[in-house]
Amino acid sequence: MLAVAKLAKASNEILYRLYDDKCGLFEVMAPDSVAAKTVLEQAIAAGDDPADPLERFSPVFLEVILGERAI
């Protein structure tokens, strides 16, 4: 969080106040991550191979965090 705060020219305390923790910040930055987590948890609960939904989600996720609109 400190590295993000420095890049954003904000204090670490403000980020923690706004987002509680790294997971909260991540969920705001990548809202589809919550959906992906749900899909993976469902696959695991059903005894399915979690690699299948993960392989479908990974390219989309990488585009979100590394694409032109990424921070």
N, C-alpha and C. Protein backbone atom coordinates (compact mmCIF):
# COMPACT_ATOMS: atom_id res chain seq x y z
N MET A 1 0.82 -1.18 0.00
CA MET A 1 0.00 0.00 0.00
C MET A 1 0.87 1.26 0.00
N LEU A 2 2.01 1.18 0.64
CA LEU A 2 2.87 2.35 0.71
C LEU A 2 3.35 2.76 -0.68
N ALA A 3 3.70 1.78 -1.51
CA ALA A 3 4.15 2.08 -2.87
C ALA A 3 3.03 2.75 -3.68
N VAL A 4 1.81 2.26 -3.52
CA VAL A 4 0.67 2.86 -4.21
C VAL A 4 0.45 4.29 -3.72
N ALA A 5 0.54 4.47 -2.40
CA ALA A 5 0.37 5.80 -1.83
C ALA A 5 1.41 6.78 -2.39
N LYS A 6 2.64 6.35 -2.47
CA LYS A 6 3.69 7.22 -2.99
C LYS A 6 3.43 7.59 -4.45
N LEU A 7 3.03 6.61 -5.25
CA LEU A 7 2.74 6.88 -6.66
C LEU A 7 1.54 7.82 -6.81
N ALA A 8 0.58 7.69 -5.91
CA ALA A 8 -0.62 8.53 -5.97
C ALA A 8 -0.41 9.87 -5.27
N LYS A 9 0.78 10.04 -4.68
CA LYS A 9 1.08 11.26 -3.92
C LYS A 9 0.05 11.47 -2.81
N ALA A 10 -0.25 10.38 -2.12
CA ALA A 10 -1.19 10.40 -1.00
C ALA A 10 -0.51 9.72 0.18
N SER A 11 -1.11 9.85 1.33
CA SER A 11 -0.53 9.19 2.49
C SER A 11 -1.05 7.76 2.60
N ASN A 12 -0.24 6.93 3.19
CA ASN A 12 -0.61 5.54 3.42
C ASN A 12 -1.86 5.48 4.30
N GLU A 13 -1.95 6.38 5.28
CA GLU A 13 -3.08 6.41 6.20
C GLU A 13 -4.40 6.67 5.47
N ILE A 14 -4.35 7.56 4.48
CA ILE A 14 -5.57 7.85 3.72
C ILE A 14 -6.01 6.63 2.94
N LEU A 15 -5.08 5.93 2.31
CA LEU A 15 -5.46 4.72 1.56
C LEU A 15 -6.10 3.70 2.48
N TYR A 16 -5.52 3.50 3.66
CA TYR A 16 -6.11 2.53 4.58
C TYR A 16 -7.46 3.00 5.09
N ARG A 17 -7.63 4.30 5.27
CA ARG A 17 -8.93 4.82 5.72
C ARG A 17 -9.99 4.60 4.64
N LEU A 18 -9.61 4.79 3.39
CA LEU A 18 -10.56 4.65 2.29
C LEU A 18 -10.85 3.21 1.92
N TYR A 19 -9.83 2.35 1.99
CA TYR A 19 -9.97 0.99 1.46
C TYR A 19 -9.77 -0.11 2.49
N ASP A 20 -9.49 0.21 3.71
CA ASP A 20 -9.28 -0.74 4.81
C ASP A 20 -8.01 -1.57 4.68
N ASP A 21 -7.82 -2.21 3.52
CA ASP A 21 -6.66 -3.06 3.34
C ASP A 21 -6.37 -3.24 1.85
N LYS A 22 -5.37 -4.04 1.54
CA LYS A 22 -4.99 -4.24 0.14
C LYS A 22 -6.11 -4.88 -0.66
N CYS A 23 -6.85 -5.78 -0.03
CA CYS A 23 -7.96 -6.43 -0.74
C CYS A 23 -9.03 -5.42 -1.13
N GLY A 24 -9.32 -4.48 -0.21
CA GLY A 24 -10.31 -3.45 -0.52
C GLY A 24 -9.88 -2.58 -1.67
N LEU A 25 -8.62 -2.20 -1.69
CA LEU A 25 -8.09 -1.40 -2.80
C LEU A 25 -8.15 -2.19 -4.10
N PHE A 26 -7.77 -3.45 -4.04
CA PHE A 26 -7.78 -4.31 -5.22
C PHE A 26 -9.20 -4.46 -5.79
N GLU A 27 -10.18 -4.63 -4.90
CA GLU A 27 -11.57 -4.80 -5.36
C GLU A 27 -12.08 -3.55 -6.06
N VAL A 28 -11.66 -2.38 -5.60
CA VAL A 28 -12.06 -1.14 -6.25
C VAL A 28 -11.37 -0.99 -7.60
N MET A 29 -10.10 -1.39 -7.67
CA MET A 29 -9.34 -1.25 -8.90
C MET A 29 -9.75 -2.29 -9.94
N ALA A 30 -10.16 -3.43 -9.50
CA ALA A 30 -10.51 -4.52 -10.42
C ALA A 30 -11.80 -5.18 -9.96
N PRO A 31 -12.96 -4.53 -10.22
CA PRO A 31 -14.22 -5.07 -9.71
C PRO A 31 -14.52 -6.48 -10.18
N ASP A 32 -14.01 -6.87 -11.33
CA ASP A 32 -14.26 -8.22 -11.82
C ASP A 32 -13.55 -9.26 -10.96
N SER A 33 -12.62 -8.82 -10.13
CA SER A 33 -11.90 -9.77 -9.28
C SER A 33 -12.84 -10.45 -8.30
N VAL A 34 -13.87 -9.74 -7.85
CA VAL A 34 -14.84 -10.34 -6.93
C VAL A 34 -15.60 -11.44 -7.64
N ALA A 35 -16.01 -11.19 -8.87
CA ALA A 35 -16.71 -12.20 -9.66
C ALA A 35 -15.80 -13.40 -9.92
N ALA A 36 -14.54 -13.13 -10.22
CA ALA A 36 -13.60 -14.21 -10.48
C ALA A 36 -13.39 -15.06 -9.24
N LYS A 37 -13.29 -14.42 -8.09
CA LYS A 37 -13.12 -15.15 -6.83
C LYS A 37 -14.32 -16.05 -6.59
N THR A 38 -15.51 -15.54 -6.86
CA THR A 38 -16.72 -16.33 -6.69
C THR A 38 -16.73 -17.55 -7.60
N VAL A 39 -16.35 -17.34 -8.86
CA VAL A 39 -16.31 -18.45 -9.82
C VAL A 39 -15.31 -19.51 -9.37
N LEU A 40 -14.13 -19.08 -8.90
CA LEU A 40 -13.11 -20.02 -8.45
C LEU A 40 -13.57 -20.78 -7.21
N GLU A 41 -14.20 -20.08 -6.27
CA GLU A 41 -14.70 -20.74 -5.06
C GLU A 41 -15.78 -21.77 -5.41
N GLN A 42 -16.66 -21.42 -6.36
CA GLN A 42 -17.70 -22.36 -6.78
C GLN A 42 -17.09 -23.59 -7.45
N ALA A 43 -16.07 -23.39 -8.26
CA ALA A 43 -15.40 -24.52 -8.92
C ALA A 43 -14.77 -25.45 -7.88
N ILE A 44 -14.12 -24.86 -6.89
CA ILE A 44 -13.49 -25.66 -5.84
C ILE A 44 -14.54 -26.41 -5.04
N ALA A 45 -15.64 -25.73 -4.68
CA ALA A 45 -16.71 -26.36 -3.89
C ALA A 45 -17.37 -27.51 -4.65
N ALA A 46 -17.46 -27.36 -5.97
CA ALA A 46 -18.08 -28.41 -6.79
C ALA A 46 -17.12 -29.54 -7.12
N GLY A 47 -15.86 -29.38 -6.73
CA GLY A 47 -14.87 -30.40 -7.03
C GLY A 47 -14.32 -30.28 -8.44
N ASP A 48 -14.64 -29.19 -9.12
CA ASP A 48 -14.13 -28.97 -10.48
C ASP A 48 -12.69 -28.48 -10.41
N ASP A 49 -12.04 -28.53 -11.54
CA ASP A 49 -10.67 -28.03 -11.64
C ASP A 49 -10.71 -26.51 -11.69
N PRO A 50 -10.20 -25.81 -10.67
CA PRO A 50 -10.25 -24.35 -10.68
C PRO A 50 -9.39 -23.72 -11.77
N ALA A 51 -8.55 -24.50 -12.41
CA ALA A 51 -7.71 -23.97 -13.48
C ALA A 51 -8.54 -23.53 -14.68
N ASP A 52 -9.67 -24.20 -14.92
CA ASP A 52 -10.49 -23.86 -16.09
C ASP A 52 -11.01 -22.43 -16.04
N PRO A 53 -11.75 -22.04 -14.98
CA PRO A 53 -12.20 -20.63 -14.96
C PRO A 53 -11.04 -19.64 -14.82
N LEU A 54 -9.98 -20.06 -14.15
CA LEU A 54 -8.83 -19.18 -13.99
C LEU A 54 -8.16 -18.88 -15.33
N GLU A 55 -8.08 -19.89 -16.19
CA GLU A 55 -7.50 -19.69 -17.52
C GLU A 55 -8.35 -18.75 -18.37
N ARG A 56 -9.66 -18.78 -18.18
CA ARG A 56 -10.54 -17.88 -18.93
C ARG A 56 -10.45 -16.45 -18.38
N PHE A 57 -10.30 -16.34 -17.08
CA PHE A 57 -10.28 -15.03 -16.44
C PHE A 57 -8.94 -14.31 -16.59
N SER A 58 -7.86 -15.04 -16.57
CA SER A 58 -6.52 -14.45 -16.53
C SER A 58 -6.25 -13.44 -17.65
N PRO A 59 -6.54 -13.74 -18.92
CA PRO A 59 -6.26 -12.75 -19.97
C PRO A 59 -7.04 -11.45 -19.78
N VAL A 60 -8.28 -11.55 -19.32
CA VAL A 60 -9.10 -10.36 -19.09
C VAL A 60 -8.51 -9.55 -17.94
N PHE A 61 -8.13 -10.23 -16.88
CA PHE A 61 -7.56 -9.57 -15.72
C PHE A 61 -6.25 -8.87 -16.07
N LEU A 62 -5.40 -9.54 -16.83
CA LEU A 62 -4.13 -8.93 -17.22
C LEU A 62 -4.35 -7.67 -18.06
N GLU A 63 -5.36 -7.68 -18.90
CA GLU A 63 -5.66 -6.50 -19.69
C GLU A 63 -6.09 -5.34 -18.79
N VAL A 64 -6.86 -5.66 -17.75
CA VAL A 64 -7.31 -4.62 -16.82
C VAL A 64 -6.13 -3.99 -16.09
N ILE A 65 -5.20 -4.80 -15.61
CA ILE A 65 -4.13 -4.25 -14.80
C ILE A 65 -2.92 -3.78 -15.60
N LEU A 66 -2.79 -4.23 -16.85
CA LEU A 66 -1.64 -3.85 -17.65
C LEU A 66 -1.98 -3.05 -18.90
N GLY A 67 -3.26 -2.92 -19.21
CA GLY A 67 -3.69 -2.24 -20.43
C GLY A 67 -3.47 -0.74 -20.37
N GLU A 68 -3.85 -0.06 -21.42
CA GLU A 68 -3.65 1.38 -21.54
C GLU A 68 -4.33 2.17 -20.44
N ARG A 69 -5.46 1.69 -19.93
CA ARG A 69 -6.20 2.42 -18.91
C ARG A 69 -5.73 2.09 -17.50
N ALA A 70 -4.76 1.21 -17.36
CA ALA A 70 -4.27 0.85 -16.03
C ALA A 70 -3.55 2.04 -15.39
N ILE A 71 -3.58 2.05 -14.09
CA ILE A 71 -2.93 3.15 -13.35
C ILE A 71 -1.43 2.99 -13.43
